[in-house]
Amino acid sequence: MSELRYTDTNAAYDSAGRAFGLDGNLYVPVVVAAVVAIGLFVLLAFGLHAGFVLAGLVGGLPLGAVLAWAVFLKHGQAAGYDRDRIDQWLGGGNFTREGRDQEGLA
């Protein structure tokens, strides 16, 4: 009875943590997109002398797209949800090459 058995168990939910309100490392693409957006704004506004409004709109596109992807397609969703949803929007989301031709054959 002096020998204790040690068993590594995990009965809890494994979490990758949260940062800035986003699950796991999901904040990294958002931070990278923010840096790219600032770089595009500086390049367009000061390097190419485009207007500040145009530079702001063009610079905000990458940040807006990545934020939309992170918040609506990744945050709080199952793994692979974003790929499945985009595949469904683009081609029907089934396993055939011609998804639209196979709909009536089930």
PDB file of N, CA and C in Angstrom:
ATOM      1  N   MET A   1       0.812  -1.189   0.000  1.00  0.00           N
ATOM      2  CA  MET A   1       0.000   0.000   0.000  1.00  0.00           C
ATOM      3  C   MET A   1       0.860   1.259   0.000  1.00  0.00           C
ATOM      4  N   SER A   2       2.146   1.125   0.185  1.00  0.00           N
ATOM      5  CA  SER A   2       3.015   2.290   0.202  1.00  0.00           C
ATOM      6  C   SER A   2       3.296   2.807  -1.209  1.00  0.00           C
ATOM      7  N   GLU A   3       3.064   1.992  -2.211  1.00  0.00           N
ATOM      8  CA  GLU A   3       3.299   2.399  -3.601  1.00  0.00           C
ATOM      9  C   GLU A   3       2.042   3.082  -4.149  1.00  0.00           C
ATOM     10  N   LEU A   4       2.148   4.375  -4.448  1.00  0.00           N
ATOM     11  CA  LEU A   4       1.012   5.104  -5.014  1.00  0.00           C
ATOM     12  C   LEU A   4       1.110   5.105  -6.527  1.00  0.00           C
ATOM     13  N   ARG A   5      -0.004   4.923  -7.129  1.00  0.00           N
ATOM     14  CA  ARG A   5      -0.061   4.933  -8.577  1.00  0.00           C
ATOM     15  C   ARG A   5      -0.420   6.346  -9.041  1.00  0.00           C
ATOM     16  N   TYR A   6       0.350   6.898  -9.952  1.00  0.00           N
ATOM     17  CA  TYR A   6       0.117   8.234 -10.490  1.00  0.00           C
ATOM     18  C   TYR A   6      -0.402   8.098 -11.914  1.00  0.00           C
ATOM     19  N   THR A   7      -1.602   8.625 -12.162  1.00  0.00           N
ATOM     20  CA  THR A   7      -2.209   8.573 -13.487  1.00  0.00           C
ATOM     21  C   THR A   7      -2.524   9.988 -13.930  1.00  0.00           C
ATOM     22  N   ASP A   8      -2.007  10.359 -15.073  1.00  0.00           N
ATOM     23  CA  ASP A   8      -2.265  11.688 -15.618  1.00  0.00           C
ATOM     24  C   ASP A   8      -3.619  11.677 -16.312  1.00  0.00           C
ATOM     25  N   THR A   9      -4.600  12.329 -15.730  1.00  0.00           N
ATOM     26  CA  THR A   9      -5.943  12.372 -16.301  1.00  0.00           C
ATOM     27  C   THR A   9      -6.323  13.806 -16.599  1.00  0.00           C
ATOM     28  N   ASN A  10      -7.291  13.946 -17.464  1.00  0.00           N
ATOM     29  CA  ASN A  10      -7.777  15.268 -17.804  1.00  0.00           C
ATOM     30  C   ASN A  10      -9.275  15.159 -18.044  1.00  0.00           C
ATOM     31  N   ALA A  11     -10.034  15.587 -17.076  1.00  0.00           N
ATOM     32  CA  ALA A  11     -11.476  15.507 -17.199  1.00  0.00           C
ATOM     33  C   ALA A  11     -12.084  16.860 -17.546  1.00  0.00           C
ATOM     34  N   ALA A  12     -11.271  17.852 -17.752  1.00  0.00           N
ATOM     35  CA  ALA A  12     -11.768  19.199 -18.020  1.00  0.00           C
ATOM     36  C   ALA A  12     -11.604  19.545 -19.495  1.00  0.00           C
ATOM     37  N   TYR A  13     -12.204  20.645 -19.868  1.00  0.00           N
ATOM     38  CA  TYR A  13     -12.106  21.151 -21.227  1.00  0.00           C
ATOM     39  C   TYR A  13     -10.728  21.762 -21.432  1.00  0.00           C
ATOM     40  N   ASP A  14     -10.037  21.369 -22.479  1.00  0.00           N
ATOM     41  CA  ASP A  14      -8.734  21.958 -22.781  1.00  0.00           C
ATOM     42  C   ASP A  14      -8.955  23.273 -23.490  1.00  0.00           C
ATOM     43  N   SER A  15      -8.416  24.310 -22.929  1.00  0.00           N
ATOM     44  CA  SER A  15      -8.571  25.630 -23.505  1.00  0.00           C
ATOM     45  C   SER A  15      -7.208  26.180 -23.877  1.00  0.00           C
ATOM     46  N   ALA A  16      -7.147  26.831 -25.012  1.00  0.00           N
ATOM     47  CA  ALA A  16      -5.912  27.479 -25.431  1.00  0.00           C
ATOM     48  C   ALA A  16      -5.796  28.870 -24.834  1.00  0.00           C
ATOM     49  N   GLY A  17      -6.750  29.270 -24.006  1.00  0.00           N
ATOM     50  CA  GLY A  17      -6.714  30.576 -23.375  1.00  0.00           C
ATOM     51  C   GLY A  17      -7.443  31.625 -24.192  1.00  0.00           C
ATOM     52  N   ARG A  18      -7.407  32.842 -23.686  1.00  0.00           N
ATOM     53  CA  ARG A  18      -8.063  33.957 -24.361  1.00  0.00           C
ATOM     54  C   ARG A  18      -7.160  35.171 -24.292  1.00  0.00           C
ATOM     55  N   ALA A  19      -7.135  35.934 -25.363  1.00  0.00           N
ATOM     56  CA  ALA A  19      -6.405  37.199 -25.401  1.00  0.00           C
ATOM     57  C   ALA A  19      -7.223  38.190 -26.207  1.00  0.00           C
ATOM     58  N   PHE A  20      -7.427  39.365 -25.665  1.00  0.00           N
ATOM     59  CA  PHE A  20      -8.215  40.423 -26.304  1.00  0.00           C
ATOM     60  C   PHE A  20      -9.630  39.951 -26.642  1.00  0.00           C
ATOM     61  N   GLY A  21     -10.155  39.024 -25.871  1.00  0.00           N
ATOM     62  CA  GLY A  21     -11.498  38.513 -26.088  1.00  0.00           C
ATOM     63  C   GLY A  21     -11.602  37.446 -27.156  1.00  0.00           C
ATOM     64  N   LEU A  22     -10.485  37.043 -27.746  1.00  0.00           N
ATOM     65  CA  LEU A  22     -10.492  36.023 -28.789  1.00  0.00           C
ATOM     66  C   LEU A  22      -9.858  34.743 -28.260  1.00  0.00           C
ATOM     67  N   ASP A  23     -10.363  33.603 -28.701  1.00  0.00           N
ATOM     68  CA  ASP A  23      -9.880  32.310 -28.237  1.00  0.00           C
ATOM     69  C   ASP A  23      -8.492  32.016 -28.777  1.00  0.00           C
ATOM     70  N   GLY A  24      -7.657  31.417 -27.941  1.00  0.00           N
ATOM     71  CA  GLY A  24      -6.353  30.909 -28.364  1.00  0.00           C
ATOM     72  C   GLY A  24      -5.463  31.962 -28.974  1.00  0.00           C
ATOM     73  N   ASN A  25      -4.827  31.609 -30.056  1.00  0.00           N
ATOM     74  CA  ASN A  25      -3.933  32.523 -30.767  1.00  0.00           C
ATOM     75  C   ASN A  25      -4.638  33.257 -31.896  1.00  0.00           C
ATOM     76  N   LEU A  26      -5.929  33.412 -31.778  1.00  0.00           N
ATOM     77  CA  LEU A  26      -6.703  34.064 -32.833  1.00  0.00           C
ATOM     78  C   LEU A  26      -6.422  35.564 -32.923  1.00  0.00           C
ATOM     79  N   TYR A  27      -5.787  36.118 -31.897  1.00  0.00           N
ATOM     80  CA  TYR A  27      -5.459  37.533 -31.932  1.00  0.00           C
ATOM     81  C   TYR A  27      -4.277  37.816 -32.856  1.00  0.00           C
ATOM     82  N   VAL A  28      -3.451  36.816 -33.143  1.00  0.00           N
ATOM     83  CA  VAL A  28      -2.247  37.031 -33.945  1.00  0.00           C
ATOM     84  C   VAL A  28      -2.580  37.514 -35.363  1.00  0.00           C
ATOM     85  N   PRO A  29      -3.501  36.863 -36.113  1.00  0.00           N
ATOM     86  CA  PRO A  29      -3.822  37.392 -37.435  1.00  0.00           C
ATOM     87  C   PRO A  29      -4.423  38.796 -37.381  1.00  0.00           C
ATOM     88  N   VAL A  30      -5.154  39.102 -36.314  1.00  0.00           N
ATOM     89  CA  VAL A  30      -5.746  40.433 -36.188  1.00  0.00           C
ATOM     90  C   VAL A  30      -4.650  41.477 -35.985  1.00  0.00           C
ATOM     91  N   VAL A  31      -3.671  41.175 -35.151  1.00  0.00           N
ATOM     92  CA  VAL A  31      -2.562  42.111 -34.925  1.00  0.00           C
ATOM     93  C   VAL A  31      -1.741  42.278 -36.203  1.00  0.00           C
ATOM     94  N   VAL A  32      -1.476  41.190 -36.909  1.00  0.00           N
ATOM     95  CA  VAL A  32      -0.730  41.278 -38.175  1.00  0.00           C
ATOM     96  C   VAL A  32      -1.511  42.110 -39.194  1.00  0.00           C
ATOM     97  N   ALA A  33      -2.813  41.915 -39.279  1.00  0.00           N
ATOM     98  CA  ALA A  33      -3.632  42.700 -40.214  1.00  0.00           C
ATOM     99  C   ALA A  33      -3.645  44.168 -39.824  1.00  0.00           C
ATOM    100  N   ALA A  34      -3.620  44.476 -38.529  1.00  0.00           N
ATOM    101  CA  ALA A  34      -3.566  45.869 -38.091  1.00  0.00           C
ATOM    102  C   ALA A  34      -2.253  46.512 -38.499  1.00  0.00           C
ATOM    103  N   VAL A  35      -1.149  45.785 -38.385  1.00  0.00           N
ATOM    104  CA  VAL A  35       0.152  46.311 -38.811  1.00  0.00           C
ATOM    105  C   VAL A  35       0.177  46.522 -40.323  1.00  0.00           C
ATOM    106  N   VAL A  36      -0.382  45.585 -41.082  1.00  0.00           N
ATOM    107  CA  VAL A  36      -0.461  45.725 -42.540  1.00  0.00           C
ATOM    108  C   VAL A  36      -1.340  46.916 -42.908  1.00  0.00           C
ATOM    109  N   ALA A  37      -2.445  47.098 -42.207  1.00  0.00           N
ATOM    110  CA  ALA A  37      -3.338  48.218 -42.479  1.00  0.00           C
ATOM    111  C   ALA A  37      -2.646  49.551 -42.218  1.00  0.00           C
ATOM    112  N   ILE A  38      -1.896  49.643 -41.127  1.00  0.00           N
ATOM    113  CA  ILE A  38      -1.158  50.876 -40.844  1.00  0.00           C
ATOM    114  C   ILE A  38      -0.091  51.107 -41.898  1.00  0.00           C
ATOM    115  N   GLY A  39       0.600  50.045 -42.296  1.00  0.00           N
ATOM    116  CA  GLY A  39       1.621  50.167 -43.346  1.00  0.00           C
ATOM    117  C   GLY A  39       1.029  50.629 -44.670  1.00  0.00           C
ATOM    118  N   LEU A  40      -0.104  50.064 -45.058  1.00  0.00           N
ATOM    119  CA  LEU A  40      -0.760  50.492 -46.300  1.00  0.00           C
ATOM    120  C   LEU A  40      -1.205  51.945 -46.222  1.00  0.00           C
ATOM    121  N   PHE A  41      -1.731  52.338 -45.079  1.00  0.00           N
ATOM    122  CA  PHE A  41      -2.167  53.719 -44.907  1.00  0.00           C
ATOM    123  C   PHE A  41      -0.987  54.677 -45.042  1.00  0.00           C
ATOM    124  N   VAL A  42       0.108  54.388 -44.369  1.00  0.00           N
ATOM    125  CA  VAL A  42       1.290  55.249 -44.437  1.00  0.00           C
ATOM    126  C   VAL A  42       1.847  55.280 -45.846  1.00  0.00           C
ATOM    127  N   LEU A  43       1.919  54.128 -46.508  1.00  0.00           N
ATOM    128  CA  LEU A  43       2.438  54.073 -47.874  1.00  0.00           C
ATOM    129  C   LEU A  43       1.580  54.884 -48.829  1.00  0.00           C
ATOM    130  N   LEU A  44       0.270  54.714 -48.736  1.00  0.00           N
ATOM    131  CA  LEU A  44      -0.620  55.427 -49.654  1.00  0.00           C
ATOM    132  C   LEU A  44      -0.712  56.916 -49.337  1.00  0.00           C
ATOM    133  N   ALA A  45      -0.831  57.258 -48.068  1.00  0.00           N
ATOM    134  CA  ALA A  45      -1.051  58.655 -47.692  1.00  0.00           C
ATOM    135  C   ALA A  45       0.208  59.487 -47.835  1.00  0.00           C
ATOM    136  N   PHE A  46       1.334  58.960 -47.382  1.00  0.00           N
ATOM    137  CA  PHE A  46       2.544  59.768 -47.366  1.00  0.00           C
ATOM    138  C   PHE A  46       3.526  59.408 -48.470  1.00  0.00           C
ATOM    139  N   GLY A  47       3.556  58.151 -48.880  1.00  0.00           N
ATOM    140  CA  GLY A  47       4.481  57.735 -49.931  1.00  0.00           C
ATOM    141  C   GLY A  47       3.974  58.047 -51.323  1.00  0.00           C
ATOM    142  N   LEU A  48       2.723  57.731 -51.578  1.00  0.00           N
ATOM    143  CA  LEU A  48       2.149  57.937 -52.909  1.00  0.00           C
ATOM    144  C   LEU A  48       1.256  59.170 -52.973  1.00  0.00           C
ATOM    145  N   HIS A  49       1.110  59.882 -51.879  1.00  0.00           N
ATOM    146  CA  HIS A  49       0.338  61.123 -51.778  1.00  0.00           C
ATOM    147  C   HIS A  49      -1.116  60.959 -52.229  1.00  0.00           C
ATOM    148  N   ALA A  50      -1.698  59.821 -51.916  1.00  0.00           N
ATOM    149  CA  ALA A  50      -3.140  59.645 -52.133  1.00  0.00           C
ATOM    150  C   ALA A  50      -3.854  60.366 -50.993  1.00  0.00           C
ATOM    151  N   GLY A  51      -5.121  60.589 -51.125  1.00  0.00           N
ATOM    152  CA  GLY A  51      -5.870  61.261 -50.068  1.00  0.00           C
ATOM    153  C   GLY A  51      -5.967  60.401 -48.817  1.00  0.00           C
ATOM    154  N   PHE A  52      -6.179  61.068 -47.683  1.00  0.00           N
ATOM    155  CA  PHE A  52      -6.287  60.334 -46.427  1.00  0.00           C
ATOM    156  C   PHE A  52      -7.513  59.430 -46.397  1.00  0.00           C
ATOM    157  N   VAL A  53      -8.583  59.851 -47.036  1.00  0.00           N
ATOM    158  CA  VAL A  53      -9.801  59.033 -47.041  1.00  0.00           C
ATOM    159  C   VAL A  53      -9.568  57.761 -47.852  1.00  0.00           C
ATOM    160  N   LEU A  54      -8.982  57.909 -49.031  1.00  0.00           N
ATOM    161  CA  LEU A  54      -8.689  56.738 -49.865  1.00  0.00           C
ATOM    162  C   LEU A  54      -7.691  55.821 -49.171  1.00  0.00           C
ATOM    163  N   ALA A  55      -6.669  56.395 -48.567  1.00  0.00           N
ATOM    164  CA  ALA A  55      -5.674  55.591 -47.861  1.00  0.00           C
ATOM    165  C   ALA A  55      -6.306  54.877 -46.672  1.00  0.00           C
ATOM    166  N   GLY A  56      -7.215  55.530 -45.988  1.00  0.00           N
ATOM    167  CA  GLY A  56      -7.899  54.894 -44.863  1.00  0.00           C
ATOM    168  C   GLY A  56      -8.802  53.760 -45.296  1.00  0.00           C
ATOM    169  N   LEU A  57      -9.509  53.953 -46.402  1.00  0.00           N
ATOM    170  CA  LEU A  57     -10.391  52.897 -46.901  1.00  0.00           C
ATOM    171  C   LEU A  57      -9.601  51.683 -47.385  1.00  0.00           C
ATOM    172  N   VAL A  58      -8.558  51.925 -48.161  1.00  0.00           N
ATOM    173  CA  VAL A  58      -7.748  50.819 -48.674  1.00  0.00           C
ATOM    174  C   VAL A  58      -6.980  50.154 -47.538  1.00  0.00           C
ATOM    175  N   GLY A  59      -6.464  50.932 -46.613  1.00  0.00           N
ATOM    176  CA  GLY A  59      -5.735  50.372 -45.485  1.00  0.00           C
ATOM    177  C   GLY A  59      -6.628  49.599 -44.535  1.00  0.00           C
ATOM    178  N   GLY A  60      -7.886  49.967 -44.445  1.00  0.00           N
ATOM    179  CA  GLY A  60      -8.811  49.279 -43.550  1.00  0.00           C
ATOM    180  C   GLY A  60      -9.354  47.973 -44.088  1.00  0.00           C
ATOM    181  N   LEU A  61      -9.194  47.722 -45.382  1.00  0.00           N
ATOM    182  CA  LEU A  61      -9.707  46.484 -45.975  1.00  0.00           C
ATOM    183  C   LEU A  61      -9.104  45.220 -45.361  1.00  0.00           C
ATOM    184  N   PRO A  62      -7.780  45.114 -45.232  1.00  0.00           N
ATOM    185  CA  PRO A  62      -7.253  43.873 -44.643  1.00  0.00           C
ATOM    186  C   PRO A  62      -7.683  43.676 -43.192  1.00  0.00           C
ATOM    187  N   LEU A  63      -7.695  44.751 -42.430  1.00  0.00           N
ATOM    188  CA  LEU A  63      -8.096  44.636 -41.028  1.00  0.00           C
ATOM    189  C   LEU A  63      -9.568  44.257 -40.908  1.00  0.00           C
ATOM    190  N   GLY A  64     -10.411  44.851 -41.727  1.00  0.00           N
ATOM    191  CA  GLY A  64     -11.834  44.514 -41.701  1.00  0.00           C
ATOM    192  C   GLY A  64     -12.101  43.082 -42.104  1.00  0.00           C
ATOM    193  N   ALA A  65     -11.399  42.615 -43.136  1.00  0.00           N
ATOM    194  CA  ALA A  65     -11.597  41.236 -43.598  1.00  0.00           C
ATOM    195  C   ALA A  65     -11.140  40.229 -42.543  1.00  0.00           C
ATOM    196  N   VAL A  66      -9.989  40.467 -41.942  1.00  0.00           N
ATOM    197  CA  VAL A  66      -9.480  39.535 -40.938  1.00  0.00           C
ATOM    198  C   VAL A  66     -10.333  39.576 -39.678  1.00  0.00           C
ATOM    199  N   LEU A  67     -10.790  40.753 -39.277  1.00  0.00           N
ATOM    200  CA  LEU A  67     -11.671  40.851 -38.117  1.00  0.00           C
ATOM    201  C   LEU A  67     -12.986  40.115 -38.356  1.00  0.00           C
ATOM    202  N   ALA A  68     -13.555  40.270 -39.545  1.00  0.00           N
ATOM    203  CA  ALA A  68     -14.796  39.570 -39.868  1.00  0.00           C
ATOM    204  C   ALA A  68     -14.586  38.065 -39.845  1.00  0.00           C
ATOM    205  N   TRP A  69     -13.478  37.594 -40.416  1.00  0.00           N
ATOM    206  CA  TRP A  69     -13.167  36.164 -40.404  1.00  0.00           C
ATOM    207  C   TRP A  69     -13.001  35.653 -38.977  1.00  0.00           C
ATOM    208  N   ALA A  70     -12.244  36.400 -38.160  1.00  0.00           N
ATOM    209  CA  ALA A  70     -11.954  35.947 -36.800  1.00  0.00           C
ATOM    210  C   ALA A  70     -13.210  35.937 -35.934  1.00  0.00           C
ATOM    211  N   VAL A  71     -14.015  36.985 -36.015  1.00  0.00           N
ATOM    212  CA  VAL A  71     -15.162  37.097 -35.118  1.00  0.00           C
ATOM    213  C   VAL A  71     -16.326  36.223 -35.565  1.00  0.00           C
ATOM    214  N   PHE A  72     -16.611  36.193 -36.852  1.00  0.00           N
ATOM    215  CA  PHE A  72     -17.801  35.485 -37.318  1.00  0.00           C
ATOM    216  C   PHE A  72     -17.559  34.037 -37.716  1.00  0.00           C
ATOM    217  N   LEU A  73     -16.331  33.688 -38.117  1.00  0.00           N
ATOM    218  CA  LEU A  73     -16.092  32.338 -38.611  1.00  0.00           C
ATOM    219  C   LEU A  73     -15.173  31.495 -37.728  1.00  0.00           C
ATOM    220  N   LYS A  74     -14.450  32.096 -36.789  1.00  0.00           N
ATOM    221  CA  LYS A  74     -13.527  31.336 -35.957  1.00  0.00           C
ATOM    222  C   LYS A  74     -13.848  31.379 -34.473  1.00  0.00           C
ATOM    223  N   HIS A  75     -14.194  32.540 -33.959  1.00  0.00           N
ATOM    224  CA  HIS A  75     -14.367  32.726 -32.523  1.00  0.00           C
ATOM    225  C   HIS A  75     -15.591  31.967 -32.009  1.00  0.00           C
ATOM    226  N   GLY A  76     -15.349  31.014 -31.119  1.00  0.00           N
ATOM    227  CA  GLY A  76     -16.431  30.249 -30.522  1.00  0.00           C
ATOM    228  C   GLY A  76     -17.006  29.167 -31.414  1.00  0.00           C
ATOM    229  N   GLN A  77     -16.398  28.902 -32.538  1.00  0.00           N
ATOM    230  CA  GLN A  77     -16.901  27.886 -33.465  1.00  0.00           C
ATOM    231  C   GLN A  77     -16.044  26.621 -33.370  1.00  0.00           C
ATOM    232  N   ALA A  78     -16.543  25.543 -33.915  1.00  0.00           N
ATOM    233  CA  ALA A  78     -15.797  24.285 -33.953  1.00  0.00           C
ATOM    234  C   ALA A  78     -14.631  24.406 -34.926  1.00  0.00           C
ATOM    235  N   ALA A  79     -13.645  23.559 -34.734  1.00  0.00           N
ATOM    236  CA  ALA A  79     -12.491  23.556 -35.633  1.00  0.00           C
ATOM    237  C   ALA A  79     -12.945  23.218 -37.050  1.00  0.00           C
ATOM    238  N   GLY A  80     -12.510  23.970 -38.018  1.00  0.00           N
ATOM    239  CA  GLY A  80     -12.866  23.733 -39.410  1.00  0.00           C
ATOM    240  C   GLY A  80     -14.170  24.374 -39.836  1.00  0.00           C
ATOM    241  N   TYR A  81     -14.861  25.072 -38.925  1.00  0.00           N
ATOM    242  CA  TYR A  81     -16.134  25.702 -39.277  1.00  0.00           C
ATOM    243  C   TYR A  81     -15.943  26.748 -40.371  1.00  0.00           C
ATOM    244  N   ASP A  82     -14.875  27.526 -40.292  1.00  0.00           N
ATOM    245  CA  ASP A  82     -14.645  28.570 -41.283  1.00  0.00           C
ATOM    246  C   ASP A  82     -14.431  27.980 -42.670  1.00  0.00           C
ATOM    247  N   ARG A  83     -13.650  26.912 -42.763  1.00  0.00           N
ATOM    248  CA  ARG A  83     -13.425  26.278 -44.067  1.00  0.00           C
ATOM    249  C   ARG A  83     -14.703  25.667 -44.618  1.00  0.00           C
ATOM    250  N   ASP A  84     -15.486  25.020 -43.754  1.00  0.00           N
ATOM    251  CA  ASP A  84     -16.738  24.421 -44.202  1.00  0.00           C
ATOM    252  C   ASP A  84     -17.719  25.484 -44.677  1.00  0.00           C
ATOM    253  N   ARG A  85     -17.829  26.588 -43.946  1.00  0.00           N
ATOM    254  CA  ARG A  85     -18.770  27.649 -44.309  1.00  0.00           C
ATOM    255  C   ARG A  85     -18.361  28.312 -45.628  1.00  0.00           C
ATOM    256  N   ILE A  86     -17.073  28.605 -45.790  1.00  0.00           N
ATOM    257  CA  ILE A  86     -16.607  29.225 -47.033  1.00  0.00           C
ATOM    258  C   ILE A  86     -16.785  28.266 -48.201  1.00  0.00           C
ATOM    259  N   ASP A  87     -16.504  26.977 -47.987  1.00  0.00           N
ATOM    260  CA  ASP A  87     -16.723  25.989 -49.038  1.00  0.00           C
ATOM    261  C   ASP A  87     -18.194  25.893 -49.410  1.00  0.00           C
ATOM    262  N   GLN A  88     -19.063  25.997 -48.429  1.00  0.00           N
ATOM    263  CA  GLN A  88     -20.497  25.967 -48.705  1.00  0.00           C
ATOM    264  C   GLN A  88     -20.920  27.195 -49.504  1.00  0.00           C
ATOM    265  N   TRP A  89     -20.391  28.355 -49.158  1.00  0.00           N
ATOM    266  CA  TRP A  89     -20.727  29.580 -49.898  1.00  0.00           C
ATOM    267  C   TRP A  89     -20.218  29.539 -51.332  1.00  0.00           C
ATOM    268  N   LEU A  90     -19.057  28.932 -51.555  1.00  0.00           N
ATOM    269  CA  LEU A  90     -18.451  28.950 -52.886  1.00  0.00           C
ATOM    270  C   LEU A  90     -18.909  27.823 -53.792  1.00  0.00           C
ATOM    271  N   GLY A  91     -19.262  26.656 -53.207  1.00  0.00           N
ATOM    272  CA  GLY A  91     -19.575  25.578 -54.114  1.00  0.00           C
ATOM    273  C   GLY A  91     -20.583  24.564 -53.630  1.00  0.00           C
ATOM    274  N   GLY A  92     -21.210  24.793 -52.542  1.00  0.00           N
ATOM    275  CA  GLY A  92     -22.210  23.855 -52.088  1.00  0.00           C
ATOM    276  C   GLY A  92     -21.796  23.031 -50.897  1.00  0.00           C
ATOM    277  N   GLY A  93     -20.511  22.885 -50.627  1.00  0.00           N
ATOM    278  CA  GLY A  93     -20.051  22.216 -49.430  1.00  0.00           C
ATOM    279  C   GLY A  93     -20.182  20.713 -49.428  1.00  0.00           C
ATOM    280  N   ASN A  94     -20.104  20.056 -50.586  1.00  0.00           N
ATOM    281  CA  ASN A  94     -20.138  18.597 -50.587  1.00  0.00           C
ATOM    282  C   ASN A  94     -18.813  18.065 -51.110  1.00  0.00           C
ATOM    283  N   PHE A  95     -18.693  16.750 -51.223  1.00  0.00           N
ATOM    284  CA  PHE A  95     -17.415  16.147 -51.550  1.00  0.00           C
ATOM    285  C   PHE A  95     -17.217  15.886 -53.038  1.00  0.00           C
ATOM    286  N   THR A  96     -18.066  16.388 -53.880  1.00  0.00           N
ATOM    287  CA  THR A  96     -17.910  16.186 -55.311  1.00  0.00           C
ATOM    288  C   THR A  96     -17.282  17.414 -55.945  1.00  0.00           C
ATOM    289  N   ARG A  97     -16.692  17.227 -57.106  1.00  0.00           N
ATOM    290  CA  ARG A  97     -16.106  18.371 -57.798  1.00  0.00           C
ATOM    291  C   ARG A  97     -17.192  19.274 -58.379  1.00  0.00           C
ATOM    292  N   GLU A  98     -18.224  18.696 -58.913  1.00  0.00           N
ATOM    293  CA  GLU A  98     -19.331  19.460 -59.463  1.00  0.00           C
ATOM    294  C   GLU A  98     -20.514  19.330 -58.510  1.00  0.00           C
ATOM    295  N   GLY A  99     -20.534  20.145 -57.490  1.00  0.00           N
ATOM    296  CA  GLY A  99     -21.552  20.046 -56.449  1.00  0.00           C
ATOM    297  C   GLY A  99     -22.945  20.333 -56.960  1.00  0.00           C
ATOM    298  N   ARG A 100     -23.087  21.269 -57.868  1.00  0.00           N
ATOM    299  CA  ARG A 100     -24.410  21.652 -58.355  1.00  0.00           C
ATOM    300  C   ARG A 100     -25.016  20.569 -59.256  1.00  0.00           C
ATOM    301  N   ASP A 101     -24.172  19.789 -59.945  1.00  0.00           N
ATOM    302  CA  ASP A 101     -24.684  18.755 -60.842  1.00  0.00           C
ATOM    303  C   ASP A 101     -25.172  17.515 -60.081  1.00  0.00           C
ATOM    304  N   GLN A 102     -24.716  17.306 -58.858  1.00  0.00           N
ATOM    305  CA  GLN A 102     -25.012  16.099 -58.116  1.00  0.00           C
ATOM    306  C   GLN A 102     -26.170  16.252 -57.151  1.00  0.00           C
ATOM    307  N   GLU A 103     -26.798  17.390 -57.044  1.00  0.00           N
ATOM    308  CA  GLU A 103     -27.820  17.638 -56.026  1.00  0.00           C
ATOM    309  C   GLU A 103     -29.027  16.701 -56.154  1.00  0.00           C
ATOM    310  N   GLY A 104     -29.469  16.408 -57.341  1.00  0.00           N
ATOM    311  CA  GLY A 104     -30.667  15.606 -57.507  1.00  0.00           C
ATOM    312  C   GLY A 104     -30.427  14.118 -57.551  1.00  0.00           C
ATOM    313  N   LEU A 105     -29.197  13.655 -57.376  1.00  0.00           N
ATOM    314  CA  LEU A 105     -28.876  12.238 -57.527  1.00  0.00           C
ATOM    315  C   LEU A 105     -28.885  11.457 -56.223  1.00  0.00           C
ATOM    316  N   ALA A 106     -29.257  12.039 -55.124  1.00  0.00           N
ATOM    317  CA  ALA A 106     -29.229  11.296 -53.848  1.00  0.00           C
ATOM    318  C   ALA A 106     -30.365  10.347 -53.830  1.00  0.00           C
TER     319      ALA A 106
END
